[in-house]
Amino acid sequence: MNLRERKKEATRRALSLAAVELALEHGPENVRVEDIAAAAGVSPRTYNNYFPSREAAICAVPIARNQLLGERLRARPAEEPLDEACVGAVLEHYRDQSTPDQRIMKMIFCNPALHGEFHRNHKAATAPLVEAIAERCGVDPEHDLFPSLLAATLGTAVRIATQHWLEHGAERRFPDVLREALLGVAPLAAAYDRHRSLSDDRAASSAEPDRSDHP
């Protein structure tokens, strides 16, 4: 990333953080583009070069966070089973960010406009994870459904864990709730690993030369 790209990324992040802080303080429906731009030290025109709406700016931070999951999975040991690698990557991802800010999560999940914006960007946010799963499985995500299916299943586990934690936040730690949810979907990855292993064994067996005696 060159200097110009780093400056643009810094401006985008400053705008998003300003939008989140203002939304938490005043309520998302009371935040104006002019307020966000002023808080970030830029003009409204500059703001419009980065975000089409205040909802997009508010949701940009958690969306960018989700896009890092692919890097987490790639960093797992190559010999680790797929289910363990996926569960470990997601848990590590959220553990390194400490406990999620309950106010931000609740604001997004309880505001229809913000929730809609967050899910409209679902494909872009999960694309890096889909690609990382496809690489680990040795398949083409354009033709094989499994990477997208597994990424969506993991995303659903995170969403349900978040909703449960928001409703019962004082009762359990978020990492514990998330682990329970992830372990509930891990068998999908384990089953794929077993199926792939059996297919590889059959392919290797059929490729072996015929060593039977011939007259």
C-alpha atoms as a PDB file:
ATOM      1  CA  MET A   1       0.000   0.000   0.000  1.00  0.00           C
ATOM      2  CA  ASN A   2       1.541   3.308  -1.092  1.00  0.00           C
ATOM      3  CA  LEU A   3       1.348   6.612   0.802  1.00  0.00           C
ATOM      4  CA  ARG A   4      -1.742   7.831  -1.061  1.00  0.00           C
ATOM      5  CA  GLU A   5      -3.629   4.613  -0.339  1.00  0.00           C
ATOM      6  CA  ARG A   6      -2.614   4.734   3.321  1.00  0.00           C
ATOM      7  CA  LYS A   7      -3.919   8.299   3.607  1.00  0.00           C
ATOM      8  CA  LYS A   8      -7.214   7.313   2.013  1.00  0.00           C
ATOM      9  CA  GLU A   9      -7.565   4.341   4.353  1.00  0.00           C
ATOM     10  CA  ALA A  10      -6.789   6.573   7.354  1.00  0.00           C
ATOM     11  CA  THR A  11      -9.448   9.072   6.267  1.00  0.00           C
ATOM     12  CA  ARG A  12     -12.003   6.323   5.763  1.00  0.00           C
ATOM     13  CA  ARG A  13     -11.305   4.907   9.206  1.00  0.00           C
ATOM     14  CA  ALA A  14     -11.441   8.352  10.847  1.00  0.00           C
ATOM     15  CA  LEU A  15     -14.837   8.993   9.274  1.00  0.00           C
ATOM     16  CA  SER A  16     -16.184   5.635  10.360  1.00  0.00           C
ATOM     17  CA  LEU A  17     -14.935   6.011  13.946  1.00  0.00           C
ATOM     18  CA  ALA A  18     -16.410   9.514  14.116  1.00  0.00           C
ATOM     19  CA  ALA A  19     -19.739   8.199  12.826  1.00  0.00           C
ATOM     20  CA  VAL A  20     -19.788   5.453  15.462  1.00  0.00           C
ATOM     21  CA  GLU A  21     -18.962   7.836  18.321  1.00  0.00           C
ATOM     22  CA  LEU A  22     -21.615  10.354  17.256  1.00  0.00           C
ATOM     23  CA  ALA A  23     -24.219   7.632  16.759  1.00  0.00           C
ATOM     24  CA  LEU A  24     -23.555   6.229  20.230  1.00  0.00           C
ATOM     25  CA  GLU A  25     -23.778   9.676  21.770  1.00  0.00           C
ATOM     26  CA  HIS A  26     -26.796  11.080  19.933  1.00  0.00           C
ATOM     27  CA  GLY A  27     -28.500   8.071  18.346  1.00  0.00           C
ATOM     28  CA  PRO A  28     -27.871   7.082  14.702  1.00  0.00           C
ATOM     29  CA  GLU A  29     -31.038   8.813  13.474  1.00  0.00           C
ATOM     30  CA  ASN A  30     -29.749  12.157  14.829  1.00  0.00           C
ATOM     31  CA  VAL A  31     -26.345  12.066  13.137  1.00  0.00           C
ATOM     32  CA  ARG A  32     -25.818  14.215  10.046  1.00  0.00           C
ATOM     33  CA  VAL A  33     -23.167  13.838   7.377  1.00  0.00           C
ATOM     34  CA  GLU A  34     -21.966  17.348   8.208  1.00  0.00           C
ATOM     35  CA  ASP A  35     -21.423  16.313  11.832  1.00  0.00           C
ATOM     36  CA  ILE A  36     -19.414  13.245  10.893  1.00  0.00           C
ATOM     37  CA  ALA A  37     -17.251  15.197   8.432  1.00  0.00           C
ATOM     38  CA  ALA A  38     -16.571  17.930  10.980  1.00  0.00           C
ATOM     39  CA  ALA A  39     -15.643  15.419  13.684  1.00  0.00           C
ATOM     40  CA  ALA A  40     -13.173  13.770  11.296  1.00  0.00           C
ATOM     41  CA  GLY A  41     -11.751  17.098  10.137  1.00  0.00           C
ATOM     42  CA  VAL A  42     -12.832  16.858   6.491  1.00  0.00           C
ATOM     43  CA  SER A  43     -15.482  18.441   4.293  1.00  0.00           C
ATOM     44  CA  PRO A  44     -18.914  16.898   3.580  1.00  0.00           C
ATOM     45  CA  ARG A  45     -17.803  16.581  -0.033  1.00  0.00           C
ATOM     46  CA  THR A  46     -14.833  14.463   1.051  1.00  0.00           C
ATOM     47  CA  TYR A  47     -17.166  12.373   3.201  1.00  0.00           C
ATOM     48  CA  ASN A  48     -19.343  11.634   0.151  1.00  0.00           C
ATOM     49  CA  ASN A  49     -16.281  10.297  -1.665  1.00  0.00           C
ATOM     50  CA  TYR A  50     -16.047   7.530   0.950  1.00  0.00           C
ATOM     51  CA  PHE A  51     -19.560   6.682   2.096  1.00  0.00           C
ATOM     52  CA  PRO A  52     -23.012   6.920   0.467  1.00  0.00           C
ATOM     53  CA  SER A  53     -24.843   7.194   3.804  1.00  0.00           C
ATOM     54  CA  ARG A  54     -24.362   7.562   7.546  1.00  0.00           C
ATOM     55  CA  GLU A  55     -25.359   3.903   7.962  1.00  0.00           C
ATOM     56  CA  ALA A  56     -22.497   2.861   5.679  1.00  0.00           C
ATOM     57  CA  ALA A  57     -20.022   4.891   7.735  1.00  0.00           C
ATOM     58  CA  ILE A  58     -21.256   3.500  11.053  1.00  0.00           C
ATOM     59  CA  CYS A  59     -21.079  -0.113   9.833  1.00  0.00           C
ATOM     60  CA  ALA A  60     -17.687   0.219   8.143  1.00  0.00           C
ATOM     61  CA  VAL A  61     -15.654  -0.732  11.219  1.00  0.00           C
ATOM     62  CA  PRO A  62     -17.344  -4.077  11.979  1.00  0.00           C
ATOM     63  CA  ILE A  63     -17.449  -4.894   8.253  1.00  0.00           C
ATOM     64  CA  ALA A  64     -13.708  -4.243   7.917  1.00  0.00           C
ATOM     65  CA  ARG A  65     -13.160  -6.386  11.016  1.00  0.00           C
ATOM     66  CA  ASN A  66     -14.964  -9.319   9.387  1.00  0.00           C
ATOM     67  CA  GLN A  67     -12.780  -9.041   6.294  1.00  0.00           C
ATOM     68  CA  LEU A  68      -9.726  -9.948   8.390  1.00  0.00           C
ATOM     69  CA  LEU A  69     -11.040 -13.431   9.145  1.00  0.00           C
ATOM     70  CA  GLY A  70      -9.497 -14.831   5.972  1.00  0.00           C
ATOM     71  CA  GLU A  71      -6.029 -13.813   7.177  1.00  0.00           C
ATOM     72  CA  ARG A  72      -6.703 -15.495  10.511  1.00  0.00           C
ATOM     73  CA  LEU A  73      -7.547 -18.791   8.814  1.00  0.00           C
ATOM     74  CA  ARG A  74      -4.498 -18.656   6.550  1.00  0.00           C
ATOM     75  CA  ALA A  75      -2.312 -18.218   9.639  1.00  0.00           C
ATOM     76  CA  ARG A  76      -3.494 -21.505  11.170  1.00  0.00           C
ATOM     77  CA  PRO A  77      -1.168 -24.555  10.884  1.00  0.00           C
ATOM     78  CA  ALA A  78      -1.540 -26.310   7.526  1.00  0.00           C
ATOM     79  CA  GLU A  79      -1.851 -29.735   9.181  1.00  0.00           C
ATOM     80  CA  GLU A  80      -4.690 -28.641  11.475  1.00  0.00           C
ATOM     81  CA  PRO A  81      -8.104 -30.211  10.690  1.00  0.00           C
ATOM     82  CA  LEU A  82     -10.471 -27.849   8.920  1.00  0.00           C
ATOM     83  CA  ASP A  83     -13.004 -27.698  11.756  1.00  0.00           C
ATOM     84  CA  GLU A  84     -10.353 -26.913  14.374  1.00  0.00           C
ATOM     85  CA  ALA A  85      -8.734 -24.329  12.110  1.00  0.00           C
ATOM     86  CA  CYS A  86     -12.018 -22.503  11.482  1.00  0.00           C
ATOM     87  CA  VAL A  87     -13.106 -22.506  15.121  1.00  0.00           C
ATOM     88  CA  GLY A  88      -9.647 -21.431  16.240  1.00  0.00           C
ATOM     89  CA  ALA A  89      -9.422 -18.639  13.662  1.00  0.00           C
ATOM     90  CA  VAL A  90     -12.789 -17.114  14.596  1.00  0.00           C
ATOM     91  CA  LEU A  91     -12.151 -17.365  18.349  1.00  0.00           C
ATOM     92  CA  GLU A  92      -8.687 -15.852  17.983  1.00  0.00           C
ATOM     93  CA  HIS A  93     -10.076 -13.079  15.810  1.00  0.00           C
ATOM     94  CA  TYR A  94     -12.581 -11.958  18.428  1.00  0.00           C
ATOM     95  CA  ARG A  95     -10.331 -12.659  21.408  1.00  0.00           C
ATOM     96  CA  ASP A  96      -7.648 -10.324  20.051  1.00  0.00           C
ATOM     97  CA  GLN A  97     -10.248  -7.556  19.822  1.00  0.00           C
ATOM     98  CA  SER A  98     -11.184  -8.074  23.478  1.00  0.00           C
ATOM     99  CA  THR A  99     -14.855  -8.321  24.346  1.00  0.00           C
ATOM    100  CA  PRO A 100     -16.946  -6.673  21.619  1.00  0.00           C
ATOM    101  CA  ASP A 101     -18.322  -3.259  22.535  1.00  0.00           C
ATOM    102  CA  GLN A 102     -21.846  -4.146  23.604  1.00  0.00           C
ATOM    103  CA  ARG A 103     -23.153  -0.667  22.838  1.00  0.00           C
ATOM    104  CA  ILE A 104     -21.970  -0.766  19.217  1.00  0.00           C
ATOM    105  CA  MET A 105     -23.248  -4.282  18.622  1.00  0.00           C
ATOM    106  CA  LYS A 106     -26.599  -3.520  20.192  1.00  0.00           C
ATOM    107  CA  MET A 107     -26.935  -0.312  18.160  1.00  0.00           C
ATOM    108  CA  ILE A 108     -26.346  -2.154  14.887  1.00  0.00           C
ATOM    109  CA  PHE A 109     -28.485  -5.185  15.707  1.00  0.00           C
ATOM    110  CA  CYS A 110     -31.400  -3.159  17.105  1.00  0.00           C
ATOM    111  CA  ASN A 111     -31.557  -0.460  14.415  1.00  0.00           C
ATOM    112  CA  PRO A 112     -33.256  -1.747  11.230  1.00  0.00           C
ATOM    113  CA  ALA A 113     -31.390   0.647   8.916  1.00  0.00           C
ATOM    114  CA  LEU A 114     -28.004  -0.233  10.392  1.00  0.00           C
ATOM    115  CA  HIS A 115     -28.789  -3.940  10.496  1.00  0.00           C
ATOM    116  CA  GLY A 116     -29.845  -3.817   6.855  1.00  0.00           C
ATOM    117  CA  GLU A 117     -26.670  -1.981   5.848  1.00  0.00           C
ATOM    118  CA  PHE A 118     -24.540  -4.487   7.732  1.00  0.00           C
ATOM    119  CA  HIS A 119     -26.126  -7.444   5.927  1.00  0.00           C
ATOM    120  CA  ARG A 120     -26.070  -5.755   2.506  1.00  0.00           C
ATOM    121  CA  ASN A 121     -22.296  -5.891   2.782  1.00  0.00           C
ATOM    122  CA  HIS A 122     -22.279  -9.513   3.870  1.00  0.00           C
ATOM    123  CA  LYS A 123     -20.835 -10.874   0.631  1.00  0.00           C
ATOM    124  CA  ALA A 124     -17.972  -8.370   0.509  1.00  0.00           C
ATOM    125  CA  ALA A 125     -17.237  -8.890   4.204  1.00  0.00           C
ATOM    126  CA  THR A 126     -17.089 -12.684   3.949  1.00  0.00           C
ATOM    127  CA  ALA A 127     -15.311 -12.950   0.575  1.00  0.00           C
ATOM    128  CA  PRO A 128     -11.801 -13.150   2.134  1.00  0.00           C
ATOM    129  CA  LEU A 129     -12.930 -15.999   4.412  1.00  0.00           C
ATOM    130  CA  VAL A 130     -14.497 -17.846   1.468  1.00  0.00           C
ATOM    131  CA  GLU A 131     -11.219 -17.533  -0.448  1.00  0.00           C
ATOM    132  CA  ALA A 132      -9.167 -18.749   2.533  1.00  0.00           C
ATOM    133  CA  ILE A 133     -11.425 -21.784   3.007  1.00  0.00           C
ATOM    134  CA  ALA A 134     -11.210 -22.580  -0.710  1.00  0.00           C
ATOM    135  CA  GLU A 135      -7.400 -22.410  -0.591  1.00  0.00           C
ATOM    136  CA  ARG A 136      -7.290 -24.709   2.422  1.00  0.00           C
ATOM    137  CA  CYS A 137      -9.615 -27.196   0.712  1.00  0.00           C
ATOM    138  CA  GLY A 138      -7.879 -26.937  -2.664  1.00  0.00           C
ATOM    139  CA  VAL A 139     -11.058 -26.019  -4.561  1.00  0.00           C
ATOM    140  CA  ASP A 140     -12.289 -23.203  -6.784  1.00  0.00           C
ATOM    141  CA  PRO A 141     -14.937 -21.139  -4.923  1.00  0.00           C
ATOM    142  CA  GLU A 142     -16.466 -20.154  -8.256  1.00  0.00           C
ATOM    143  CA  HIS A 143     -17.440 -23.774  -8.930  1.00  0.00           C
ATOM    144  CA  ASP A 144     -17.468 -25.464  -5.522  1.00  0.00           C
ATOM    145  CA  LEU A 145     -20.251 -24.401  -3.128  1.00  0.00           C
ATOM    146  CA  PHE A 146     -18.605 -25.623   0.039  1.00  0.00           C
ATOM    147  CA  PRO A 147     -16.363 -22.603   0.858  1.00  0.00           C
ATOM    148  CA  SER A 148     -19.318 -20.220   0.631  1.00  0.00           C
ATOM    149  CA  LEU A 149     -21.530 -22.629   2.578  1.00  0.00           C
ATOM    150  CA  LEU A 150     -19.015 -22.998   5.398  1.00  0.00           C
ATOM    151  CA  ALA A 151     -18.286 -19.254   5.564  1.00  0.00           C
ATOM    152  CA  ALA A 152     -22.015 -18.508   5.736  1.00  0.00           C
ATOM    153  CA  THR A 153     -22.493 -21.124   8.453  1.00  0.00           C
ATOM    154  CA  LEU A 154     -19.663 -19.660  10.523  1.00  0.00           C
ATOM    155  CA  GLY A 155     -21.128 -16.198  10.021  1.00  0.00           C
ATOM    156  CA  THR A 156     -24.517 -17.404  11.211  1.00  0.00           C
ATOM    157  CA  ALA A 157     -22.903 -18.876  14.321  1.00  0.00           C
ATOM    158  CA  VAL A 158     -21.250 -15.526  15.079  1.00  0.00           C
ATOM    159  CA  ARG A 159     -24.522 -13.653  14.502  1.00  0.00           C
ATOM    160  CA  ILE A 160     -26.558 -15.950  16.755  1.00  0.00           C
ATOM    161  CA  ALA A 161     -23.859 -15.868  19.443  1.00  0.00           C
ATOM    162  CA  THR A 162     -23.846 -12.067  19.293  1.00  0.00           C
ATOM    163  CA  GLN A 163     -27.622 -11.832  19.576  1.00  0.00           C
ATOM    164  CA  HIS A 164     -27.646 -14.253  22.505  1.00  0.00           C
ATOM    165  CA  TRP A 165     -24.847 -12.354  24.234  1.00  0.00           C
ATOM    166  CA  LEU A 166     -26.631  -9.029  23.759  1.00  0.00           C
ATOM    167  CA  GLU A 167     -29.762 -10.453  25.372  1.00  0.00           C
ATOM    168  CA  HIS A 168     -27.914 -12.201  28.216  1.00  0.00           C
ATOM    169  CA  GLY A 169     -24.650 -10.259  28.260  1.00  0.00           C
ATOM    170  CA  ALA A 170     -24.256 -10.118  32.015  1.00  0.00           C
ATOM    171  CA  GLU A 171     -24.636 -13.870  32.406  1.00  0.00           C
ATOM    172  CA  ARG A 172     -21.821 -15.200  30.188  1.00  0.00           C
ATOM    173  CA  ARG A 173     -18.629 -13.992  28.534  1.00  0.00           C
ATOM    174  CA  PHE A 174     -18.872 -13.437  24.785  1.00  0.00           C
ATOM    175  CA  PRO A 175     -15.960 -15.824  23.962  1.00  0.00           C
ATOM    176  CA  ASP A 176     -17.768 -18.626  25.815  1.00  0.00           C
ATOM    177  CA  VAL A 177     -21.021 -18.016  23.933  1.00  0.00           C
ATOM    178  CA  LEU A 178     -19.143 -17.805  20.634  1.00  0.00           C
ATOM    179  CA  ARG A 179     -17.248 -21.035  21.261  1.00  0.00           C
ATOM    180  CA  GLU A 180     -20.499 -22.889  21.976  1.00  0.00           C
ATOM    181  CA  ALA A 181     -22.031 -21.613  18.743  1.00  0.00           C
ATOM    182  CA  LEU A 182     -18.963 -22.471  16.668  1.00  0.00           C
ATOM    183  CA  LEU A 183     -18.698 -25.970  18.073  1.00  0.00           C
ATOM    184  CA  GLY A 184     -22.299 -26.490  16.982  1.00  0.00           C
ATOM    185  CA  VAL A 185     -21.392 -25.939  13.316  1.00  0.00           C
ATOM    186  CA  ALA A 186     -17.864 -27.424  13.356  1.00  0.00           C
ATOM    187  CA  PRO A 187     -19.138 -30.908  12.339  1.00  0.00           C
ATOM    188  CA  LEU A 188     -19.890 -29.510   8.858  1.00  0.00           C
ATOM    189  CA  ALA A 189     -16.179 -28.805   8.323  1.00  0.00           C
ATOM    190  CA  ALA A 190     -15.165 -32.113   9.926  1.00  0.00           C
ATOM    191  CA  ALA A 191     -17.512 -34.048   7.630  1.00  0.00           C
ATOM    192  CA  TYR A 192     -16.069 -32.322   4.571  1.00  0.00           C
ATOM    193  CA  ASP A 193     -12.552 -33.160   5.732  1.00  0.00           C
ATOM    194  CA  ARG A 194     -13.500 -36.848   6.111  1.00  0.00           C
ATOM    195  CA  HIS A 195     -15.169 -36.927   2.700  1.00  0.00           C
ATOM    196  CA  ARG A 196     -12.140 -35.311   1.053  1.00  0.00           C
ATOM    197  CA  SER A 197      -9.773 -37.738   2.784  1.00  0.00           C
ATOM    198  CA  LEU A 198     -11.786 -40.734   1.569  1.00  0.00           C
ATOM    199  CA  SER A 199     -11.884 -39.334  -1.961  1.00  0.00           C
ATOM    200  CA  ASP A 200      -8.113 -38.815  -1.933  1.00  0.00           C
ATOM    201  CA  ASP A 201      -7.583 -42.382  -0.706  1.00  0.00           C
ATOM    202  CA  ARG A 202      -9.794 -43.795  -3.465  1.00  0.00           C
ATOM    203  CA  ALA A 203      -8.018 -41.719  -6.083  1.00  0.00           C
ATOM    204  CA  ALA A 204      -4.608 -42.851  -4.844  1.00  0.00           C
ATOM    205  CA  SER A 205      -5.738 -46.467  -4.820  1.00  0.00           C
ATOM    206  CA  SER A 206      -7.053 -46.358  -8.369  1.00  0.00           C
ATOM    207  CA  ALA A 207      -3.833 -44.738  -9.556  1.00  0.00           C
ATOM    208  CA  GLU A 208      -1.614 -47.532  -8.207  1.00  0.00           C
ATOM    209  CA  PRO A 209      -0.194 -49.850 -10.912  1.00  0.00           C
ATOM    210  CA  ASP A 210      -1.559 -53.355 -11.183  1.00  0.00           C
ATOM    211  CA  ARG A 211       1.030 -55.555  -9.431  1.00  0.00           C
ATOM    212  CA  SER A 212      -0.758 -58.859  -9.987  1.00  0.00           C
ATOM    213  CA  ASP A 213       1.181 -61.634 -11.677  1.00  0.00           C
ATOM    214  CA  HIS A 214       0.645 -62.143 -15.372  1.00  0.00           C
ATOM    215  CA  PRO A 215       1.623 -65.197 -17.373  1.00  0.00           C
END
